[in-house]
Amino acid sequence: MTPVRSMVLVLCASFLGSIGAGFLKAGAARLHDGLKYLFLNFKLALGVFFFVASSVLYVMGIKQGELSVLYPLVSLSYIWALVWSRIFFQEKFTSRKFAGLCLILLGIVFVGLGSR
């Protein structure tokens, strides 16, 4: 497997993981009656599905790639989660969140440069 393919798989895993987090949040909103509806909650089930799919892609990606380069790409899921939280849950996009986003991106760049 080429390093580029490994990176694409890990990036896809990070994207799917962030979608899973969004579905878990949406499903958690329906748990106000307690945990008795936990297993009947379609959104929670979708969240778990996306996390499992994300894990499968992640394992496939790191199988032959460099973990020290690929693992920081997982942190892109935080950026996607920030986007989903704004779009689907109307959460505010503050200057601190923007600063955190910039630091995540900067960290990924530094780790990527460190592998050369």
N, C-alpha and C. Protein backbone atom coordinates (compact mmCIF):
# COMPACT_ATOMS: atom_id res chain seq x y z
N MET A 1 0.85 -1.17 0.00
CA MET A 1 0.00 0.00 0.00
C MET A 1 0.90 1.24 0.00
N THR A 2 0.55 2.20 -0.79
CA THR A 2 1.34 3.42 -0.89
C THR A 2 1.07 4.32 0.32
N PRO A 3 2.03 5.17 0.64
CA PRO A 3 1.80 6.11 1.76
C PRO A 3 0.60 7.02 1.51
N VAL A 4 0.38 7.37 0.25
CA VAL A 4 -0.77 8.24 -0.06
C VAL A 4 -2.08 7.50 0.22
N ARG A 5 -2.14 6.23 -0.15
CA ARG A 5 -3.36 5.45 0.11
C ARG A 5 -3.60 5.33 1.62
N SER A 6 -2.53 5.11 2.37
CA SER A 6 -2.67 5.05 3.83
C SER A 6 -3.21 6.35 4.37
N MET A 7 -2.72 7.46 3.87
CA MET A 7 -3.19 8.77 4.33
C MET A 7 -4.65 8.98 3.97
N VAL A 8 -5.05 8.58 2.77
CA VAL A 8 -6.44 8.74 2.36
C VAL A 8 -7.36 7.91 3.25
N LEU A 9 -6.96 6.67 3.55
CA LEU A 9 -7.77 5.83 4.42
C LEU A 9 -7.92 6.44 5.81
N VAL A 10 -6.83 6.97 6.36
CA VAL A 10 -6.89 7.58 7.70
C VAL A 10 -7.72 8.87 7.67
N LEU A 11 -7.60 9.64 6.60
CA LEU A 11 -8.42 10.85 6.47
C LEU A 11 -9.91 10.50 6.39
N CYS A 12 -10.23 9.47 5.62
CA CYS A 12 -11.62 9.02 5.53
C CYS A 12 -12.11 8.52 6.89
N ALA A 13 -11.23 7.82 7.60
CA ALA A 13 -11.59 7.34 8.94
C ALA A 13 -11.88 8.52 9.86
N SER A 14 -11.09 9.55 9.78
CA SER A 14 -11.30 10.72 10.63
C SER A 14 -12.63 11.40 10.29
N PHE A 15 -12.95 11.47 9.01
CA PHE A 15 -14.20 12.08 8.57
C PHE A 15 -15.40 11.27 9.07
N LEU A 16 -15.35 9.95 8.89
CA LEU A 16 -16.44 9.09 9.35
C LEU A 16 -16.60 9.13 10.87
N GLY A 17 -15.47 9.19 11.57
CA GLY A 17 -15.52 9.29 13.03
C GLY A 17 -16.23 10.54 13.50
N SER A 18 -16.00 11.65 12.79
CA SER A 18 -16.66 12.90 13.16
C SER A 18 -18.15 12.84 12.88
N ILE A 19 -18.54 12.15 11.80
CA ILE A 19 -19.97 11.96 11.53
C ILE A 19 -20.59 11.11 12.63
N GLY A 20 -19.85 10.09 13.06
CA GLY A 20 -20.32 9.26 14.16
C GLY A 20 -20.55 10.06 15.43
N ALA A 21 -19.65 10.97 15.72
CA ALA A 21 -19.81 11.82 16.90
C ALA A 21 -21.07 12.67 16.80
N GLY A 22 -21.34 13.18 15.61
CA GLY A 22 -22.55 13.97 15.41
C GLY A 22 -23.82 13.16 15.64
N PHE A 23 -23.84 11.93 15.13
CA PHE A 23 -25.01 11.07 15.33
C PHE A 23 -25.14 10.67 16.81
N LEU A 24 -24.02 10.46 17.49
CA LEU A 24 -24.11 10.13 18.92
C LEU A 24 -24.71 11.29 19.70
N LYS A 25 -24.32 12.51 19.36
CA LYS A 25 -24.89 13.68 20.03
C LYS A 25 -26.38 13.80 19.74
N ALA A 26 -26.75 13.62 18.48
CA ALA A 26 -28.17 13.71 18.11
C ALA A 26 -28.97 12.60 18.80
N GLY A 27 -28.41 11.41 18.88
CA GLY A 27 -29.10 10.32 19.54
C GLY A 27 -29.18 10.50 21.04
N ALA A 28 -28.15 11.09 21.62
CA ALA A 28 -28.13 11.30 23.07
C ALA A 28 -29.23 12.26 23.51
N ALA A 29 -29.64 13.14 22.62
CA ALA A 29 -30.72 14.08 22.96
C ALA A 29 -32.03 13.35 23.23
N ARG A 30 -32.18 12.14 22.70
CA ARG A 30 -33.41 11.36 22.89
C ARG A 30 -33.36 10.50 24.14
N LEU A 31 -32.31 10.56 24.91
CA LEU A 31 -32.18 9.71 26.09
C LEU A 31 -32.70 10.38 27.36
N HIS A 32 -33.53 11.38 27.21
CA HIS A 32 -34.06 12.09 28.38
C HIS A 32 -34.97 11.21 29.24
N ASP A 33 -35.48 10.14 28.66
CA ASP A 33 -36.33 9.22 29.43
C ASP A 33 -35.53 8.10 30.07
N GLY A 34 -34.23 8.26 30.09
CA GLY A 34 -33.36 7.23 30.66
C GLY A 34 -32.79 6.32 29.60
N LEU A 35 -32.11 5.32 30.05
CA LEU A 35 -31.41 4.44 29.13
C LEU A 35 -32.29 3.34 28.53
N LYS A 36 -33.57 3.34 28.86
CA LYS A 36 -34.42 2.27 28.36
C LYS A 36 -34.59 2.31 26.84
N TYR A 37 -34.36 3.46 26.23
CA TYR A 37 -34.47 3.59 24.77
C TYR A 37 -33.12 3.54 24.07
N LEU A 38 -32.10 3.19 24.81
CA LEU A 38 -30.75 3.17 24.26
C LEU A 38 -30.64 2.29 23.02
N PHE A 39 -31.20 1.11 23.06
CA PHE A 39 -31.05 0.16 21.96
C PHE A 39 -32.08 0.36 20.86
N LEU A 40 -33.03 1.24 21.06
CA LEU A 40 -34.04 1.53 20.04
C LEU A 40 -33.79 2.87 19.36
N ASN A 41 -32.64 3.42 19.61
CA ASN A 41 -32.32 4.76 19.14
C ASN A 41 -31.54 4.67 17.83
N PHE A 42 -32.19 5.00 16.72
CA PHE A 42 -31.59 4.87 15.40
C PHE A 42 -30.36 5.77 15.23
N LYS A 43 -30.41 6.98 15.75
CA LYS A 43 -29.28 7.89 15.61
C LYS A 43 -28.07 7.40 16.39
N LEU A 44 -28.30 6.86 17.58
CA LEU A 44 -27.18 6.27 18.33
C LEU A 44 -26.59 5.09 17.58
N ALA A 45 -27.45 4.26 17.00
CA ALA A 45 -26.98 3.11 16.22
C ALA A 45 -26.15 3.57 15.03
N LEU A 46 -26.58 4.63 14.36
CA LEU A 46 -25.80 5.17 13.25
C LEU A 46 -24.45 5.70 13.73
N GLY A 47 -24.45 6.35 14.88
CA GLY A 47 -23.19 6.84 15.43
C GLY A 47 -22.21 5.71 15.69
N VAL A 48 -22.69 4.64 16.28
CA VAL A 48 -21.84 3.47 16.54
C VAL A 48 -21.36 2.87 15.22
N PHE A 49 -22.26 2.77 14.23
CA PHE A 49 -21.89 2.25 12.92
C PHE A 49 -20.75 3.06 12.30
N PHE A 50 -20.88 4.39 12.33
CA PHE A 50 -19.84 5.22 11.74
C PHE A 50 -18.51 5.10 12.50
N PHE A 51 -18.57 4.96 13.81
CA PHE A 51 -17.34 4.76 14.58
C PHE A 51 -16.67 3.43 14.24
N VAL A 52 -17.46 2.38 14.06
CA VAL A 52 -16.90 1.08 13.69
C VAL A 52 -16.30 1.16 12.29
N ALA A 53 -17.02 1.77 11.35
CA ALA A 53 -16.50 1.93 9.99
C ALA A 53 -15.21 2.75 10.00
N SER A 54 -15.19 3.78 10.81
CA SER A 54 -14.00 4.61 10.95
C SER A 54 -12.83 3.78 11.47
N SER A 55 -13.08 2.94 12.45
CA SER A 55 -12.01 2.11 13.03
C SER A 55 -11.46 1.12 12.01
N VAL A 56 -12.34 0.55 11.19
CA VAL A 56 -11.89 -0.39 10.16
C VAL A 56 -10.97 0.32 9.16
N LEU A 57 -11.38 1.48 8.69
CA LEU A 57 -10.54 2.24 7.76
C LEU A 57 -9.22 2.66 8.40
N TYR A 58 -9.29 3.03 9.66
CA TYR A 58 -8.08 3.45 10.37
C TYR A 58 -7.08 2.30 10.45
N VAL A 59 -7.56 1.12 10.80
CA VAL A 59 -6.68 -0.05 10.90
C VAL A 59 -6.07 -0.37 9.54
N MET A 60 -6.89 -0.29 8.50
CA MET A 60 -6.37 -0.54 7.15
C MET A 60 -5.31 0.48 6.78
N GLY A 61 -5.52 1.73 7.18
CA GLY A 61 -4.58 2.79 6.84
C GLY A 61 -3.25 2.69 7.57
N ILE A 62 -3.29 2.35 8.86
CA ILE A 62 -2.04 2.32 9.62
C ILE A 62 -1.28 1.00 9.46
N LYS A 63 -1.94 0.04 8.82
CA LYS A 63 -1.32 -1.28 8.67
C LYS A 63 0.07 -1.19 8.04
N GLN A 64 0.22 -0.37 7.02
CA GLN A 64 1.51 -0.29 6.34
C GLN A 64 2.08 1.12 6.30
N GLY A 65 1.41 2.05 6.95
CA GLY A 65 1.92 3.41 6.96
C GLY A 65 2.68 3.70 8.24
N GLU A 66 3.25 4.88 8.31
CA GLU A 66 3.98 5.31 9.50
C GLU A 66 3.00 5.89 10.51
N LEU A 67 2.91 5.27 11.66
CA LEU A 67 1.97 5.70 12.68
C LEU A 67 2.23 7.14 13.12
N SER A 68 3.50 7.51 13.21
CA SER A 68 3.84 8.86 13.67
C SER A 68 3.38 9.94 12.68
N VAL A 69 3.17 9.57 11.44
CA VAL A 69 2.67 10.52 10.45
C VAL A 69 1.15 10.44 10.35
N LEU A 70 0.62 9.23 10.40
CA LEU A 70 -0.81 9.03 10.17
C LEU A 70 -1.67 9.39 11.38
N TYR A 71 -1.20 9.12 12.57
CA TYR A 71 -2.03 9.35 13.75
C TYR A 71 -2.44 10.82 13.93
N PRO A 72 -1.56 11.77 13.68
CA PRO A 72 -2.01 13.16 13.80
C PRO A 72 -3.14 13.53 12.84
N LEU A 73 -3.27 12.80 11.74
CA LEU A 73 -4.37 13.08 10.82
C LEU A 73 -5.73 12.79 11.44
N VAL A 74 -5.74 11.91 12.42
CA VAL A 74 -6.99 11.60 13.12
C VAL A 74 -7.54 12.85 13.80
N SER A 75 -6.65 13.74 14.22
CA SER A 75 -7.10 14.95 14.90
C SER A 75 -7.92 15.86 13.99
N LEU A 76 -7.90 15.61 12.68
CA LEU A 76 -8.76 16.38 11.79
C LEU A 76 -10.23 16.12 12.09
N SER A 77 -10.53 15.02 12.75
CA SER A 77 -11.92 14.75 13.11
C SER A 77 -12.46 15.84 14.05
N TYR A 78 -11.58 16.44 14.85
CA TYR A 78 -12.02 17.53 15.72
C TYR A 78 -12.46 18.73 14.89
N ILE A 79 -11.79 18.95 13.79
CA ILE A 79 -12.16 20.07 12.92
C ILE A 79 -13.51 19.79 12.27
N TRP A 80 -13.68 18.56 11.77
CA TRP A 80 -14.97 18.20 11.18
C TRP A 80 -16.08 18.29 12.22
N ALA A 81 -15.80 17.84 13.43
CA ALA A 81 -16.82 17.89 14.49
C ALA A 81 -17.21 19.34 14.78
N LEU A 82 -16.27 20.24 14.70
CA LEU A 82 -16.56 21.66 14.89
C LEU A 82 -17.51 22.15 13.81
N VAL A 83 -17.27 21.72 12.58
CA VAL A 83 -18.14 22.10 11.46
C VAL A 83 -19.54 21.52 11.65
N TRP A 84 -19.62 20.22 11.99
CA TRP A 84 -20.93 19.59 12.18
C TRP A 84 -21.68 20.25 13.34
N SER A 85 -20.96 20.58 14.41
CA SER A 85 -21.63 21.19 15.57
C SER A 85 -22.25 22.53 15.20
N ARG A 86 -21.59 23.26 14.33
CA ARG A 86 -22.12 24.56 13.87
C ARG A 86 -23.32 24.36 12.96
N ILE A 87 -23.20 23.44 11.99
CA ILE A 87 -24.25 23.24 10.99
C ILE A 87 -25.50 22.59 11.59
N PHE A 88 -25.32 21.51 12.34
CA PHE A 88 -26.46 20.71 12.78
C PHE A 88 -26.97 21.03 14.18
N PHE A 89 -26.11 21.60 15.03
CA PHE A 89 -26.52 21.86 16.41
C PHE A 89 -26.48 23.34 16.76
N GLN A 90 -26.19 24.18 15.78
CA GLN A 90 -26.14 25.65 15.95
C GLN A 90 -25.26 26.09 17.10
N GLU A 91 -24.17 25.36 17.34
CA GLU A 91 -23.22 25.75 18.38
C GLU A 91 -22.39 26.92 17.86
N LYS A 92 -22.01 27.79 18.75
CA LYS A 92 -21.26 28.99 18.35
C LYS A 92 -19.83 28.64 17.97
N PHE A 93 -19.32 29.35 16.99
CA PHE A 93 -17.94 29.22 16.54
C PHE A 93 -17.18 30.41 17.12
N THR A 94 -16.52 30.19 18.25
CA THR A 94 -15.88 31.28 18.98
C THR A 94 -14.43 31.47 18.54
N SER A 95 -13.84 32.54 18.98
CA SER A 95 -12.44 32.80 18.64
C SER A 95 -11.52 31.75 19.28
N ARG A 96 -11.87 31.27 20.45
CA ARG A 96 -11.07 30.22 21.08
C ARG A 96 -11.13 28.91 20.29
N LYS A 97 -12.32 28.59 19.78
CA LYS A 97 -12.44 27.39 18.95
C LYS A 97 -11.63 27.56 17.67
N PHE A 98 -11.67 28.74 17.10
CA PHE A 98 -10.88 29.01 15.90
C PHE A 98 -9.38 28.90 16.19
N ALA A 99 -8.95 29.41 17.32
CA ALA A 99 -7.55 29.30 17.71
C ALA A 99 -7.15 27.83 17.89
N GLY A 100 -8.02 27.05 18.52
CA GLY A 100 -7.76 25.63 18.68
C GLY A 100 -7.66 24.92 17.35
N LEU A 101 -8.54 25.27 16.42
CA LEU A 101 -8.50 24.71 15.07
C LEU A 101 -7.17 25.02 14.40
N CYS A 102 -6.71 26.24 14.52
CA CYS A 102 -5.43 26.63 13.93
C CYS A 102 -4.27 25.85 14.56
N LEU A 103 -4.32 25.67 15.87
CA LEU A 103 -3.26 24.91 16.54
C LEU A 103 -3.24 23.45 16.11
N ILE A 104 -4.41 22.86 15.92
CA ILE A 104 -4.48 21.49 15.43
C ILE A 104 -3.84 21.39 14.06
N LEU A 105 -4.22 22.29 13.16
CA LEU A 105 -3.65 22.28 11.82
C LEU A 105 -2.14 22.51 11.84
N LEU A 106 -1.69 23.42 12.68
CA LEU A 106 -0.26 23.70 12.79
C LEU A 106 0.48 22.47 13.32
N GLY A 107 -0.10 21.79 14.28
CA GLY A 107 0.52 20.58 14.82
C GLY A 107 0.64 19.49 13.77
N ILE A 108 -0.40 19.33 12.95
CA ILE A 108 -0.35 18.33 11.88
C ILE A 108 0.76 18.67 10.89
N VAL A 109 0.89 19.92 10.55
CA VAL A 109 1.94 20.35 9.61
C VAL A 109 3.32 20.06 10.21
N PHE A 110 3.52 20.39 11.48
CA PHE A 110 4.84 20.16 12.10
C PHE A 110 5.18 18.66 12.18
N VAL A 111 4.21 17.86 12.51
CA VAL A 111 4.47 16.42 12.58
C VAL A 111 4.77 15.89 11.17
N GLY A 112 4.04 16.37 10.18
CA GLY A 112 4.30 15.96 8.80
C GLY A 112 5.69 16.36 8.33
N LEU A 113 6.11 17.56 8.70
CA LEU A 113 7.46 18.02 8.32
C LEU A 113 8.54 17.24 9.06
N GLY A 114 8.22 16.83 10.26
CA GLY A 114 9.19 16.09 11.06
C GLY A 114 9.48 14.70 10.53
N SER A 115 8.64 14.21 9.63
CA SER A 115 8.84 12.86 9.10
C SER A 115 9.79 12.85 7.92
N ARG A 116 10.24 14.01 7.48
CA ARG A 116 11.12 14.09 6.31
C ARG A 116 12.56 14.04 6.72
